[in-house]
Amino acid sequence: MSARGKARRRALDVLFEAEARRENPLSVLAERVERSDPPVNEYTSKIVEGVVRHLERVDELISTYSEGWTLERMPAVDRNILRAGTFEMLWSDDVPEGVVISEWVHLAGELSTDESPQFVNGMLARFKQLKPSLSL
């Protein structure tokens, strides 16, 4: 797994843990940075901080475009994969869009249900298509 792939996985871990503990993801991130075992990659911090900064808009987009699924009804891992993937797709211009989709779909396949990779792929592909018209 690439360094950025590992950073994405760690960001997902932080977001998932924060939600499970009902804590601010930035607090969980700070704990991990302080513990430094293993060290937290700068890209992990970028994703977590970006999701927190844009959470309201990210959740609004996911809710608007996920047909038949509310945020609350999604598995927690899928919800956080979509949050991180949506942030990276829409606000990280230094990453090719195809890489964003591929990496988050891979994590969905590894960590969630059999249907999750297709769902994540469809959502992120939709955001890629809509990106020029979305007001961010």
Protein backbone atom coordinates (compact mmCIF):
# COMPACT_ATOMS: atom_id res chain seq x y z
CA MET A 1 0.00 0.00 0.00
CA SER A 2 1.32 3.45 -0.91
CA ALA A 3 2.10 6.10 1.71
CA ARG A 4 -1.03 8.01 0.75
CA GLY A 5 -3.04 4.79 0.83
CA LYS A 6 -1.87 4.20 4.40
CA ALA A 7 -2.64 7.83 5.24
CA ARG A 8 -6.19 7.40 3.92
CA ARG A 9 -6.65 4.26 5.98
CA ARG A 10 -5.43 6.04 9.12
CA ALA A 11 -7.71 9.01 8.42
CA LEU A 12 -10.64 6.63 8.11
CA ASP A 13 -9.63 5.00 11.40
CA VAL A 14 -9.60 8.40 13.12
CA LEU A 15 -12.97 9.45 11.67
CA PHE A 16 -14.57 6.10 12.51
CA GLU A 17 -13.15 6.06 16.05
CA ALA A 18 -14.26 9.64 16.70
CA GLU A 19 -17.79 8.83 15.61
CA ALA A 20 -17.89 5.65 17.70
CA ARG A 21 -16.61 7.54 20.75
CA ARG A 22 -18.82 10.56 19.99
CA GLU A 23 -15.80 12.82 20.05
CA ASN A 24 -14.44 15.50 17.79
CA PRO A 25 -12.22 13.91 15.12
CA LEU A 26 -9.61 16.61 15.75
CA SER A 27 -9.30 15.44 19.38
CA VAL A 28 -8.82 11.83 18.31
CA LEU A 29 -6.30 12.98 15.70
CA ALA A 30 -4.41 15.00 18.34
CA GLU A 31 -4.26 11.91 20.60
CA ARG A 32 -2.79 9.86 17.77
CA VAL A 33 -0.27 12.55 16.86
CA GLU A 34 0.81 12.83 20.50
CA ARG A 35 1.06 9.04 20.91
CA SER A 36 3.01 8.86 17.64
CA ASP A 37 2.88 5.06 17.56
CA PRO A 38 2.74 4.69 14.64
CA PRO A 39 3.51 8.23 13.49
CA VAL A 40 0.64 10.12 11.87
CA ASN A 41 1.31 11.02 8.26
CA GLU A 42 0.76 14.66 7.27
CA TYR A 43 -1.76 13.53 4.64
CA THR A 44 -3.82 11.77 7.34
CA SER A 45 -4.06 15.07 9.18
CA LYS A 46 -5.00 16.89 5.97
CA ILE A 47 -7.92 14.52 5.33
CA VAL A 48 -9.25 14.55 8.90
CA GLU A 49 -8.94 18.34 9.20
CA GLY A 50 -10.54 18.80 5.77
CA VAL A 51 -13.49 16.56 6.61
CA VAL A 52 -14.06 18.46 9.85
CA ARG A 53 -13.75 21.85 8.11
CA HIS A 54 -16.19 20.92 5.34
CA LEU A 55 -18.39 18.41 7.22
CA GLU A 56 -21.65 20.29 6.87
CA ARG A 57 -21.29 20.64 3.08
CA VAL A 58 -19.94 17.09 2.68
CA ASP A 59 -22.86 15.60 4.60
CA GLU A 60 -25.30 17.76 2.66
CA LEU A 61 -23.90 16.47 -0.65
CA ILE A 62 -23.90 12.85 0.47
CA SER A 63 -27.48 13.17 1.74
CA THR A 64 -28.63 14.86 -1.46
CA TYR A 65 -27.10 12.36 -3.89
CA SER A 66 -27.37 9.04 -2.06
CA GLU A 67 -30.58 7.65 -3.42
CA GLY A 68 -32.56 5.70 -0.86
CA TRP A 69 -29.95 6.02 1.89
CA THR A 70 -29.84 8.55 4.70
CA LEU A 71 -26.53 9.23 6.40
CA GLU A 72 -27.86 7.63 9.58
CA ARG A 73 -28.84 4.44 7.75
CA MET A 74 -25.44 3.91 6.11
CA PRO A 75 -22.91 1.67 7.82
CA ALA A 76 -20.58 3.91 9.84
CA VAL A 77 -17.54 2.83 7.85
CA ASP A 78 -19.28 3.70 4.55
CA ARG A 79 -20.39 7.06 5.88
CA ASN A 80 -16.83 7.94 6.88
CA ILE A 81 -15.32 6.58 3.66
CA LEU A 82 -17.73 8.82 1.73
CA ARG A 83 -16.93 11.81 3.93
CA ALA A 84 -13.19 11.42 3.42
CA GLY A 85 -13.52 10.54 -0.26
CA THR A 86 -15.85 13.47 -0.92
CA PHE A 87 -13.46 15.86 0.81
CA GLU A 88 -10.53 14.53 -1.18
CA MET A 89 -12.48 14.57 -4.48
CA LEU A 90 -13.75 18.13 -4.09
CA TRP A 91 -11.03 19.95 -2.13
CA SER A 92 -7.73 18.12 -2.87
CA ASP A 93 -6.74 19.27 -6.32
CA ASP A 94 -3.32 17.61 -6.09
CA VAL A 95 -4.78 14.09 -6.32
CA PRO A 96 -6.12 12.68 -9.61
CA GLU A 97 -9.84 12.03 -9.34
CA GLY A 98 -9.48 8.45 -10.57
CA VAL A 99 -6.99 7.74 -7.79
CA VAL A 100 -9.39 9.16 -5.20
CA ILE A 101 -12.18 6.89 -6.39
CA SER A 102 -9.96 3.82 -6.66
CA GLU A 103 -8.41 4.20 -3.21
CA TRP A 104 -11.69 4.74 -1.33
CA VAL A 105 -13.45 1.95 -3.26
CA HIS A 106 -10.57 -0.35 -2.30
CA LEU A 107 -10.99 0.54 1.38
CA ALA A 108 -14.73 -0.05 1.15
CA GLY A 109 -14.07 -3.49 -0.31
CA GLU A 110 -11.59 -4.30 2.39
CA LEU A 111 -13.52 -2.95 5.38
CA SER A 112 -17.23 -2.95 4.65
CA THR A 113 -20.07 -4.92 3.05
CA ASP A 114 -20.10 -6.63 -0.33
CA GLU A 115 -22.28 -3.82 -1.73
CA SER A 116 -20.17 -0.98 -0.35
CA PRO A 117 -17.51 -0.73 -3.09
CA GLN A 118 -20.18 -0.26 -5.77
CA PHE A 119 -22.02 2.31 -3.63
CA VAL A 120 -18.84 4.28 -2.85
CA ASN A 121 -17.77 4.12 -6.50
CA GLY A 122 -21.13 5.45 -7.67
CA MET A 123 -21.20 8.30 -5.18
CA LEU A 124 -17.62 9.46 -5.78
CA ALA A 125 -18.01 9.14 -9.56
CA ARG A 126 -21.12 11.30 -9.32
CA PHE A 127 -19.23 13.95 -7.36
CA LYS A 128 -16.45 13.84 -9.95
CA GLN A 129 -19.03 14.46 -12.67
CA LEU A 130 -20.79 17.23 -10.72
CA LYS A 131 -17.63 18.89 -9.38
CA PRO A 132 -17.57 21.74 -11.93
CA SER A 133 -21.17 22.69 -11.10
CA LEU A 134 -21.06 22.33 -7.31
CA SER A 135 -20.72 25.47 -5.24
CA LEU A 136 -18.07 24.73 -2.69
